[in-house]
Amino acid sequence: LYLINYMHISTFLMFIACITMFISIVLLSPIEHKNK
């Protein structure tokens, strides 16, 4: 919440972060709990 309100991020960096996280989350999902 602090970073959301006070950190500036450019559109380019936001785009790079989105692409990176999209690929990462899609490849890793779902992460299972060992007891479930």
PDB file of all heavy atoms in Angstrom:
ATOM      1  N   LEU A   1       0.821  -1.208   0.000  1.00  0.00           N
ATOM      2  CA  LEU A   1       0.000   0.000   0.000  1.00  0.00           C
ATOM      3  C   LEU A   1       0.857   1.261   0.000  1.00  0.00           C
ATOM      4  O   LEU A   1       0.501   2.265  -0.640  1.00  0.00           O
ATOM      5  CB  LEU A   1      -0.935  -0.003   1.208  1.00  0.00           C
ATOM      6  CG  LEU A   1      -2.068  -1.031   1.166  1.00  0.00           C
ATOM      7  CD1 LEU A   1      -2.872  -0.996   2.465  1.00  0.00           C
ATOM      8  CD2 LEU A   1      -2.995  -0.785  -0.022  1.00  0.00           C
ATOM      9  N   TYR A   2       1.987   1.209   0.688  1.00  0.00           N
ATOM     10  CA  TYR A   2       2.886   2.366   0.692  1.00  0.00           C
ATOM     11  C   TYR A   2       3.453   2.614  -0.712  1.00  0.00           C
ATOM     12  O   TYR A   2       3.460   3.751  -1.199  1.00  0.00           O
ATOM     13  CB  TYR A   2       4.021   2.139   1.682  1.00  0.00           C
ATOM     14  CG  TYR A   2       4.997   3.304   1.729  1.00  0.00           C
ATOM     15  CD1 TYR A   2       4.727   4.420   2.511  1.00  0.00           C
ATOM     16  CD2 TYR A   2       6.173   3.284   0.984  1.00  0.00           C
ATOM     17  CE1 TYR A   2       5.603   5.500   2.547  1.00  0.00           C
ATOM     18  CE2 TYR A   2       7.051   4.351   1.008  1.00  0.00           C
ATOM     19  CZ  TYR A   2       6.760   5.458   1.789  1.00  0.00           C
ATOM     20  OH  TYR A   2       7.625   6.519   1.809  1.00  0.00           O
ATOM     21  N   LEU A   3       3.907   1.543  -1.368  1.00  0.00           N
ATOM     22  CA  LEU A   3       4.473   1.691  -2.711  1.00  0.00           C
ATOM     23  C   LEU A   3       3.418   2.141  -3.718  1.00  0.00           C
ATOM     24  O   LEU A   3       3.708   2.933  -4.622  1.00  0.00           O
ATOM     25  CB  LEU A   3       5.100   0.367  -3.158  1.00  0.00           C
ATOM     26  CG  LEU A   3       6.347  -0.080  -2.386  1.00  0.00           C
ATOM     27  CD1 LEU A   3       6.828  -1.440  -2.889  1.00  0.00           C
ATOM     28  CD2 LEU A   3       7.460   0.951  -2.505  1.00  0.00           C
ATOM     29  N   ILE A   4       2.199   1.631  -3.568  1.00  0.00           N
ATOM     30  CA  ILE A   4       1.117   2.036  -4.479  1.00  0.00           C
ATOM     31  C   ILE A   4       0.906   3.547  -4.403  1.00  0.00           C
ATOM     32  O   ILE A   4       0.736   4.215  -5.431  1.00  0.00           O
ATOM     33  CB  ILE A   4      -0.195   1.301  -4.128  1.00  0.00           C
ATOM     34  CG1 ILE A   4      -0.081  -0.176  -4.503  1.00  0.00           C
ATOM     35  CG2 ILE A   4      -1.385   1.929  -4.865  1.00  0.00           C
ATOM     36  CD1 ILE A   4      -1.205  -1.035  -3.940  1.00  0.00           C
ATOM     37  N   ASN A   5       0.920   4.076  -3.199  1.00  0.00           N
ATOM     38  CA  ASN A   5       0.602   5.491  -3.010  1.00  0.00           C
ATOM     39  C   ASN A   5       1.776   6.431  -3.266  1.00  0.00           C
ATOM     40  O   ASN A   5       1.557   7.582  -3.651  1.00  0.00           O
ATOM     41  CB  ASN A   5       0.075   5.710  -1.588  1.00  0.00           C
ATOM     42  CG  ASN A   5      -1.366   5.267  -1.425  1.00  0.00           C
ATOM     43  OD1 ASN A   5      -2.290   6.009  -1.709  1.00  0.00           O
ATOM     44  ND2 ASN A   5      -1.561   4.036  -0.986  1.00  0.00           N
ATOM     45  N   TYR A   6       3.006   5.952  -3.070  1.00  0.00           N
ATOM     46  CA  TYR A   6       4.133   6.883  -3.098  1.00  0.00           C
ATOM     47  C   TYR A   6       5.226   6.565  -4.119  1.00  0.00           C
ATOM     48  O   TYR A   6       6.118   7.378  -4.341  1.00  0.00           O
ATOM     49  CB  TYR A   6       4.766   6.971  -1.703  1.00  0.00           C
ATOM     50  CG  TYR A   6       3.821   7.533  -0.677  1.00  0.00           C
ATOM     51  CD1 TYR A   6       3.287   6.719   0.322  1.00  0.00           C
ATOM     52  CD2 TYR A   6       3.451   8.872  -0.703  1.00  0.00           C
ATOM     53  CE1 TYR A   6       2.405   7.224   1.263  1.00  0.00           C
ATOM     54  CE2 TYR A   6       2.569   9.391   0.238  1.00  0.00           C
ATOM     55  CZ  TYR A   6       2.045   8.564   1.215  1.00  0.00           C
ATOM     56  OH  TYR A   6       1.171   9.061   2.133  1.00  0.00           O
ATOM     57  N   MET A   7       5.183   5.402  -4.742  1.00  0.00           N
ATOM     58  CA  MET A   7       6.231   5.066  -5.707  1.00  0.00           C
ATOM     59  C   MET A   7       5.766   5.336  -7.133  1.00  0.00           C
ATOM     60  O   MET A   7       4.678   4.918  -7.529  1.00  0.00           O
ATOM     61  CB  MET A   7       6.629   3.596  -5.572  1.00  0.00           C
ATOM     62  CG  MET A   7       7.720   3.179  -6.527  1.00  0.00           C
ATOM     63  SD  MET A   7       8.156   1.427  -6.322  1.00  0.00           S
ATOM     64  CE  MET A   7       9.380   1.240  -7.604  1.00  0.00           C
ATOM     65  N   HIS A   8       6.597   6.043  -7.886  1.00  0.00           N
ATOM     66  CA  HIS A   8       6.278   6.289  -9.298  1.00  0.00           C
ATOM     67  C   HIS A   8       6.845   5.155 -10.148  1.00  0.00           C
ATOM     68  O   HIS A   8       7.951   4.690  -9.927  1.00  0.00           O
ATOM     69  CB  HIS A   8       6.891   7.618  -9.767  1.00  0.00           C
ATOM     70  CG  HIS A   8       6.779   7.820 -11.244  1.00  0.00           C
ATOM     71  ND1 HIS A   8       5.578   8.142 -11.864  1.00  0.00           N
ATOM     72  CD2 HIS A   8       7.705   7.738 -12.234  1.00  0.00           C
ATOM     73  CE1 HIS A   8       5.770   8.242 -13.161  1.00  0.00           C
ATOM     74  NE2 HIS A   8       7.054   8.017 -13.418  1.00  0.00           N
ATOM     75  N   ILE A   9       6.039   4.703 -11.105  1.00  0.00           N
ATOM     76  CA  ILE A   9       6.496   3.684 -12.043  1.00  0.00           C
ATOM     77  C   ILE A   9       6.063   4.080 -13.451  1.00  0.00           C
ATOM     78  O   ILE A   9       4.907   4.471 -13.667  1.00  0.00           O
ATOM     79  CB  ILE A   9       5.937   2.287 -11.682  1.00  0.00           C
ATOM     80  CG1 ILE A   9       6.444   1.231 -12.668  1.00  0.00           C
ATOM     81  CG2 ILE A   9       4.428   2.291 -11.609  1.00  0.00           C
ATOM     82  CD1 ILE A   9       6.127  -0.193 -12.253  1.00  0.00           C
ATOM     83  N   SER A  10       6.987   4.006 -14.386  1.00  0.00           N
ATOM     84  CA  SER A  10       6.678   4.411 -15.752  1.00  0.00           C
ATOM     85  C   SER A  10       5.813   3.361 -16.442  1.00  0.00           C
ATOM     86  O   SER A  10       5.742   2.201 -16.011  1.00  0.00           O
ATOM     87  CB  SER A  10       7.972   4.602 -16.547  1.00  0.00           C
ATOM     88  OG  SER A  10       8.643   3.356 -16.707  1.00  0.00           O
ATOM     89  N   THR A  11       5.163   3.784 -17.516  1.00  0.00           N
ATOM     90  CA  THR A  11       4.318   2.862 -18.287  1.00  0.00           C
ATOM     91  C   THR A  11       5.139   1.714 -18.859  1.00  0.00           C
ATOM     92  O   THR A  11       4.679   0.568 -18.906  1.00  0.00           O
ATOM     93  CB  THR A  11       3.620   3.618 -19.429  1.00  0.00           C
ATOM     94  OG1 THR A  11       2.812   4.671 -18.879  1.00  0.00           O
ATOM     95  CG2 THR A  11       2.722   2.691 -20.229  1.00  0.00           C
ATOM     96  N   PHE A  12       6.365   2.009 -19.256  1.00  0.00           N
ATOM     97  CA  PHE A  12       7.228   0.967 -19.828  1.00  0.00           C
ATOM     98  C   PHE A  12       7.559  -0.102 -18.792  1.00  0.00           C
ATOM     99  O   PHE A  12       7.440  -1.308 -19.069  1.00  0.00           O
ATOM    100  CB  PHE A  12       8.528   1.600 -20.347  1.00  0.00           C
ATOM    101  CG  PHE A  12       9.526   0.592 -20.856  1.00  0.00           C
ATOM    102  CD1 PHE A  12       9.320  -0.044 -22.077  1.00  0.00           C
ATOM    103  CD2 PHE A  12      10.656   0.272 -20.105  1.00  0.00           C
ATOM    104  CE1 PHE A  12      10.242  -0.992 -22.540  1.00  0.00           C
ATOM    105  CE2 PHE A  12      11.568  -0.660 -20.560  1.00  0.00           C
ATOM    106  CZ  PHE A  12      11.358  -1.295 -21.786  1.00  0.00           C
ATOM    107  N   LEU A  13       7.971   0.326 -17.589  1.00  0.00           N
ATOM    108  CA  LEU A  13       8.292  -0.633 -16.536  1.00  0.00           C
ATOM    109  C   LEU A  13       7.051  -1.424 -16.112  1.00  0.00           C
ATOM    110  O   LEU A  13       7.137  -2.613 -15.802  1.00  0.00           O
ATOM    111  CB  LEU A  13       8.893   0.091 -15.335  1.00  0.00           C
ATOM    112  CG  LEU A  13      10.325   0.611 -15.490  1.00  0.00           C
ATOM    113  CD1 LEU A  13      10.762   1.347 -14.237  1.00  0.00           C
ATOM    114  CD2 LEU A  13      11.284  -0.534 -15.791  1.00  0.00           C
ATOM    115  N   MET A  14       5.907  -0.762 -16.094  1.00  0.00           N
ATOM    116  CA  MET A  14       4.665  -1.433 -15.752  1.00  0.00           C
ATOM    117  C   MET A  14       4.353  -2.523 -16.775  1.00  0.00           C
ATOM    118  O   MET A  14       3.944  -3.632 -16.422  1.00  0.00           O
ATOM    119  CB  MET A  14       3.514  -0.415 -15.695  1.00  0.00           C
ATOM    120  CG  MET A  14       2.222  -0.978 -15.129  1.00  0.00           C
ATOM    121  SD  MET A  14       0.925   0.285 -14.985  1.00  0.00           S
ATOM    122  CE  MET A  14       1.615   1.324 -13.690  1.00  0.00           C
ATOM    123  N   PHE A  15       4.578  -2.216 -18.050  1.00  0.00           N
ATOM    124  CA  PHE A  15       4.331  -3.175 -19.115  1.00  0.00           C
ATOM    125  C   PHE A  15       5.274  -4.375 -18.988  1.00  0.00           C
ATOM    126  O   PHE A  15       4.845  -5.531 -19.111  1.00  0.00           O
ATOM    127  CB  PHE A  15       4.522  -2.496 -20.478  1.00  0.00           C
ATOM    128  CG  PHE A  15       4.351  -3.416 -21.648  1.00  0.00           C
ATOM    129  CD1 PHE A  15       3.089  -3.804 -22.069  1.00  0.00           C
ATOM    130  CD2 PHE A  15       5.462  -3.907 -22.334  1.00  0.00           C
ATOM    131  CE1 PHE A  15       2.927  -4.662 -23.149  1.00  0.00           C
ATOM    132  CE2 PHE A  15       5.314  -4.760 -23.414  1.00  0.00           C
ATOM    133  CZ  PHE A  15       4.040  -5.138 -23.814  1.00  0.00           C
ATOM    134  N   ILE A  16       6.555  -4.122 -18.735  1.00  0.00           N
ATOM    135  CA  ILE A  16       7.539  -5.198 -18.567  1.00  0.00           C
ATOM    136  C   ILE A  16       7.174  -6.083 -17.384  1.00  0.00           C
ATOM    137  O   ILE A  16       7.239  -7.326 -17.457  1.00  0.00           O
ATOM    138  CB  ILE A  16       8.964  -4.623 -18.384  1.00  0.00           C
ATOM    139  CG1 ILE A  16       9.420  -3.889 -19.641  1.00  0.00           C
ATOM    140  CG2 ILE A  16       9.946  -5.739 -18.029  1.00  0.00           C
ATOM    141  CD1 ILE A  16       9.502  -4.758 -20.878  1.00  0.00           C
ATOM    142  N   ALA A  17       6.796  -5.460 -16.271  1.00  0.00           N
ATOM    143  CA  ALA A  17       6.419  -6.218 -15.072  1.00  0.00           C
ATOM    144  C   ALA A  17       5.194  -7.090 -15.348  1.00  0.00           C
ATOM    145  O   ALA A  17       5.127  -8.241 -14.909  1.00  0.00           O
ATOM    146  CB  ALA A  17       6.138  -5.258 -13.922  1.00  0.00           C
ATOM    147  N   CYS A  18       4.226  -6.554 -16.086  1.00  0.00           N
ATOM    148  CA  CYS A  18       3.002  -7.305 -16.399  1.00  0.00           C
ATOM    149  C   CYS A  18       3.307  -8.536 -17.251  1.00  0.00           C
ATOM    150  O   CYS A  18       2.812  -9.643 -16.973  1.00  0.00           O
ATOM    151  CB  CYS A  18       2.011  -6.399 -17.135  1.00  0.00           C
ATOM    152  SG  CYS A  18       1.234  -5.159 -16.095  1.00  0.00           S
ATOM    153  N   ILE A  19       4.107  -8.360 -18.276  1.00  0.00           N
ATOM    154  CA  ILE A  19       4.461  -9.471 -19.167  1.00  0.00           C
ATOM    155  C   ILE A  19       5.237 -10.543 -18.404  1.00  0.00           C
ATOM    156  O   ILE A  19       4.971 -11.749 -18.522  1.00  0.00           O
ATOM    157  CB  ILE A  19       5.290  -8.975 -20.368  1.00  0.00           C
ATOM    158  CG1 ILE A  19       4.465  -8.015 -21.235  1.00  0.00           C
ATOM    159  CG2 ILE A  19       5.783 -10.150 -21.198  1.00  0.00           C
ATOM    160  CD1 ILE A  19       3.203  -8.633 -21.821  1.00  0.00           C
ATOM    161  N   THR A  20       6.208 -10.098 -17.597  1.00  0.00           N
ATOM    162  CA  THR A  20       7.028 -11.038 -16.824  1.00  0.00           C
ATOM    163  C   THR A  20       6.188 -11.843 -15.849  1.00  0.00           C
ATOM    164  O   THR A  20       6.305 -13.074 -15.758  1.00  0.00           O
ATOM    165  CB  THR A  20       8.122 -10.277 -16.049  1.00  0.00           C
ATOM    166  OG1 THR A  20       8.913  -9.511 -16.974  1.00  0.00           O
ATOM    167  CG2 THR A  20       9.014 -11.243 -15.294  1.00  0.00           C
ATOM    168  N   MET A  21       5.319 -11.148 -15.106  1.00  0.00           N
ATOM    169  CA  MET A  21       4.488 -11.834 -14.111  1.00  0.00           C
ATOM    170  C   MET A  21       3.432 -12.723 -14.769  1.00  0.00           C
ATOM    171  O   MET A  21       3.099 -13.782 -14.242  1.00  0.00           O
ATOM    172  CB  MET A  21       3.808 -10.808 -13.206  1.00  0.00           C
ATOM    173  CG  MET A  21       4.719 -10.196 -12.166  1.00  0.00           C
ATOM    174  SD  MET A  21       5.333 -11.426 -10.953  1.00  0.00           S
ATOM    175  CE  MET A  21       6.991 -11.703 -11.554  1.00  0.00           C
ATOM    176  N   PHE A  22       2.933 -12.314 -15.919  1.00  0.00           N
ATOM    177  CA  PHE A  22       1.939 -13.136 -16.621  1.00  0.00           C
ATOM    178  C   PHE A  22       2.554 -14.486 -16.995  1.00  0.00           C
ATOM    179  O   PHE A  22       1.978 -15.546 -16.731  1.00  0.00           O
ATOM    180  CB  PHE A  22       1.441 -12.425 -17.882  1.00  0.00           C
ATOM    181  CG  PHE A  22       0.431 -13.218 -18.659  1.00  0.00           C
ATOM    182  CD1 PHE A  22      -0.916 -13.189 -18.308  1.00  0.00           C
ATOM    183  CD2 PHE A  22       0.820 -14.005 -19.740  1.00  0.00           C
ATOM    184  CE1 PHE A  22      -1.849 -13.930 -19.025  1.00  0.00           C
ATOM    185  CE2 PHE A  22      -0.100 -14.747 -20.454  1.00  0.00           C
ATOM    186  CZ  PHE A  22      -1.442 -14.711 -20.096  1.00  0.00           C
ATOM    187  N   ILE A  23       3.734 -14.439 -17.590  1.00  0.00           N
ATOM    188  CA  ILE A  23       4.417 -15.672 -18.001  1.00  0.00           C
ATOM    189  C   ILE A  23       4.751 -16.529 -16.779  1.00  0.00           C
ATOM    190  O   ILE A  23       4.522 -17.749 -16.762  1.00  0.00           O
ATOM    191  CB  ILE A  23       5.705 -15.340 -18.786  1.00  0.00           C
ATOM    192  CG1 ILE A  23       5.344 -14.647 -20.100  1.00  0.00           C
ATOM    193  CG2 ILE A  23       6.513 -16.613 -19.062  1.00  0.00           C
ATOM    194  CD1 ILE A  23       6.538 -14.116 -20.863  1.00  0.00           C
ATOM    195  N   SER A  24       5.289 -15.891 -15.741  1.00  0.00           N
ATOM    196  CA  SER A  24       5.706 -16.611 -14.532  1.00  0.00           C
ATOM    197  C   SER A  24       4.517 -17.291 -13.854  1.00  0.00           C
ATOM    198  O   SER A  24       4.571 -18.484 -13.526  1.00  0.00           O
ATOM    199  CB  SER A  24       6.377 -15.645 -13.555  1.00  0.00           C
ATOM    200  OG  SER A  24       6.675 -16.289 -12.342  1.00  0.00           O
ATOM    201  N   ILE A  25       3.432 -16.547 -13.632  1.00  0.00           N
ATOM    202  CA  ILE A  25       2.273 -17.090 -12.913  1.00  0.00           C
ATOM    203  C   ILE A  25       1.593 -18.194 -13.708  1.00  0.00           C
ATOM    204  O   ILE A  25       1.191 -19.227 -13.144  1.00  0.00           O
ATOM    205  CB  ILE A  25       1.278 -15.953 -12.579  1.00  0.00           C
ATOM    206  CG1 ILE A  25       1.895 -15.011 -11.548  1.00  0.00           C
ATOM    207  CG2 ILE A  25      -0.042 -16.526 -12.039  1.00  0.00           C
ATOM    208  CD1 ILE A  25       1.064 -13.775 -11.247  1.00  0.00           C
ATOM    209  N   VAL A  26       1.474 -18.013 -15.015  1.00  0.00           N
ATOM    210  CA  VAL A  26       0.848 -19.043 -15.856  1.00  0.00           C
ATOM    211  C   VAL A  26       1.654 -20.339 -15.822  1.00  0.00           C
ATOM    212  O   VAL A  26       1.095 -21.442 -15.723  1.00  0.00           O
ATOM    213  CB  VAL A  26       0.675 -18.545 -17.307  1.00  0.00           C
ATOM    214  CG1 VAL A  26       0.273 -19.695 -18.231  1.00  0.00           C
ATOM    215  CG2 VAL A  26      -0.373 -17.451 -17.366  1.00  0.00           C
ATOM    216  N   LEU A  27       2.977 -20.227 -15.882  1.00  0.00           N
ATOM    217  CA  LEU A  27       3.827 -21.416 -15.888  1.00  0.00           C
ATOM    218  C   LEU A  27       3.838 -22.134 -14.534  1.00  0.00           C
ATOM    219  O   LEU A  27       3.908 -23.361 -14.479  1.00  0.00           O
ATOM    220  CB  LEU A  27       5.261 -21.035 -16.280  1.00  0.00           C
ATOM    221  CG  LEU A  27       5.476 -20.597 -17.732  1.00  0.00           C
ATOM    222  CD1 LEU A  27       6.927 -20.173 -17.944  1.00  0.00           C
ATOM    223  CD2 LEU A  27       5.098 -21.717 -18.700  1.00  0.00           C
ATOM    224  N   LEU A  28       3.777 -21.376 -13.454  1.00  0.00           N
ATOM    225  CA  LEU A  28       3.905 -21.970 -12.122  1.00  0.00           C
ATOM    226  C   LEU A  28       2.571 -22.428 -11.524  1.00  0.00           C
ATOM    227  O   LEU A  28       2.551 -23.271 -10.628  1.00  0.00           O
ATOM    228  CB  LEU A  28       4.560 -20.976 -11.166  1.00  0.00           C
ATOM    229  CG  LEU A  28       6.000 -20.570 -11.470  1.00  0.00           C
ATOM    230  CD1 LEU A  28       6.490 -19.547 -10.465  1.00  0.00           C
ATOM    231  CD2 LEU A  28       6.915 -21.784 -11.478  1.00  0.00           C
ATOM    232  N   SER A  29       1.484 -21.890 -11.997  1.00  0.00           N
ATOM    233  CA  SER A  29       0.173 -22.191 -11.406  1.00  0.00           C
ATOM    234  C   SER A  29      -0.327 -23.582 -11.798  1.00  0.00           C
ATOM    235  O   SER A  29      -0.095 -24.030 -12.922  1.00  0.00           O
ATOM    236  CB  SER A  29      -0.854 -21.146 -11.837  1.00  0.00           C
ATOM    237  OG  SER A  29      -0.492 -19.871 -11.352  1.00  0.00           O
ATOM    238  N   PRO A  30      -1.042 -24.231 -10.871  1.00  0.00           N
ATOM    239  CA  PRO A  30      -1.254 -23.793  -9.483  1.00  0.00           C
ATOM    240  C   PRO A  30      -0.177 -24.337  -8.552  1.00  0.00           C
ATOM    241  O   PRO A  30       0.315 -25.442  -8.739  1.00  0.00           O
ATOM    242  CB  PRO A  30      -2.619 -24.407  -9.152  1.00  0.00           C
ATOM    243  CG  PRO A  30      -2.639 -25.687  -9.945  1.00  0.00           C
ATOM    244  CD  PRO A  30      -1.876 -25.403 -11.213  1.00  0.00           C
ATOM    245  N   ILE A  31       0.200 -23.551  -7.548  1.00  0.00           N
ATOM    246  CA  ILE A  31       1.109 -24.003  -6.501  1.00  0.00           C
ATOM    247  C   ILE A  31       0.267 -24.712  -5.446  1.00  0.00           C
ATOM    248  O   ILE A  31      -0.603 -24.099  -4.828  1.00  0.00           O
ATOM    249  CB  ILE A  31       1.865 -22.829  -5.859  1.00  0.00           C
ATOM    250  CG1 ILE A  31       2.727 -22.110  -6.901  1.00  0.00           C
ATOM    251  CG2 ILE A  31       2.712 -23.314  -4.688  1.00  0.00           C
ATOM    252  CD1 ILE A  31       3.921 -22.896  -7.372  1.00  0.00           C
ATOM    253  N   GLU A  32       0.524 -26.000  -5.239  1.00  0.00           N
ATOM    254  CA  GLU A  32      -0.291 -26.782  -4.314  1.00  0.00           C
ATOM    255  C   GLU A  32       0.242 -26.707  -2.891  1.00  0.00           C
ATOM    256  O   GLU A  32       1.446 -26.615  -2.670  1.00  0.00           O
ATOM    257  CB  GLU A  32      -0.324 -28.249  -4.754  1.00  0.00           C
ATOM    258  CG  GLU A  32      -0.867 -28.468  -6.159  1.00  0.00           C
ATOM    259  CD  GLU A  32      -0.803 -29.931  -6.559  1.00  0.00           C
ATOM    260  OE1 GLU A  32      -1.275 -30.774  -5.767  1.00  0.00           O
ATOM    261  OE2 GLU A  32      -0.279 -30.235  -7.648  1.00  0.00           O
ATOM    262  N   HIS A  33      -0.687 -26.748  -1.939  1.00  0.00           N
ATOM    263  CA  HIS A  33      -0.307 -26.900  -0.537  1.00  0.00           C
ATOM    264  C   HIS A  33      -0.005 -28.372  -0.278  1.00  0.00           C
ATOM    265  O   HIS A  33      -0.700 -29.250  -0.797  1.00  0.00           O
ATOM    266  CB  HIS A  33      -1.439 -26.427   0.372  1.00  0.00           C
ATOM    267  CG  HIS A  33      -1.045 -26.284   1.805  1.00  0.00           C
ATOM    268  ND1 HIS A  33      -0.879 -27.372   2.643  1.00  0.00           N
ATOM    269  CD2 HIS A  33      -0.771 -25.189   2.559  1.00  0.00           C
ATOM    270  CE1 HIS A  33      -0.527 -26.946   3.846  1.00  0.00           C
ATOM    271  NE2 HIS A  33      -0.453 -25.632   3.829  1.00  0.00           N
ATOM    272  N   LYS A  34       1.015 -28.639   0.511  1.00  0.00           N
ATOM    273  CA  LYS A  34       1.427 -30.028   0.727  1.00  0.00           C
ATOM    274  C   LYS A  34       0.339 -30.873   1.382  1.00  0.00           C
ATOM    275  O   LYS A  34       0.302 -32.094   1.193  1.00  0.00           O
ATOM    276  CB  LYS A  34       2.699 -30.075   1.571  1.00  0.00           C
ATOM    277  CG  LYS A  34       2.537 -29.506   2.976  1.00  0.00           C
ATOM    278  CD  LYS A  34       3.844 -29.590   3.750  1.00  0.00           C
ATOM    279  CE  LYS A  34       3.694 -29.037   5.161  1.00  0.00           C
ATOM    280  NZ  LYS A  34       4.970 -29.128   5.926  1.00  0.00           N
ATOM    281  N   ASN A  35      -0.553 -30.233   2.143  1.00  0.00           N
ATOM    282  CA  ASN A  35      -1.628 -30.960   2.806  1.00  0.00           C
ATOM    283  C   ASN A  35      -2.932 -30.958   2.005  1.00  0.00           C
ATOM    284  O   ASN A  35      -3.920 -31.540   2.440  1.00  0.00           O
ATOM    285  CB  ASN A  35      -1.896 -30.372   4.196  1.00  0.00           C
ATOM    286  CG  ASN A  35      -0.742 -30.593   5.134  1.00  0.00           C
ATOM    287  OD1 ASN A  35      -0.165 -31.684   5.182  1.00  0.00           O
ATOM    288  ND2 ASN A  35      -0.361 -29.579   5.883  1.00  0.00           N
ATOM    289  N   LYS A  36      -2.916 -30.302   0.873  1.00  0.00           N
ATOM    290  CA  LYS A  36      -4.113 -30.260   0.025  1.00  0.00           C
ATOM    291  C   LYS A  36      -3.715 -30.455  -1.436  1.00  0.00           C
ATOM    292  O   LYS A  36      -3.852 -29.559  -2.265  1.00  0.00           O
ATOM    293  CB  LYS A  36      -4.837 -28.925   0.190  1.00  0.00           C
ATOM    294  CG  LYS A  36      -5.394 -28.692   1.573  1.00  0.00           C
ATOM    295  CD  LYS A  36      -6.070 -27.339   1.665  1.00  0.00           C
ATOM    296  CE  LYS A  36      -6.544 -27.048   3.071  1.00  0.00           C
ATOM    297  NZ  LYS A  36      -7.153 -25.702   3.184  1.00  0.00           N
TER     298      LYS A  36
END
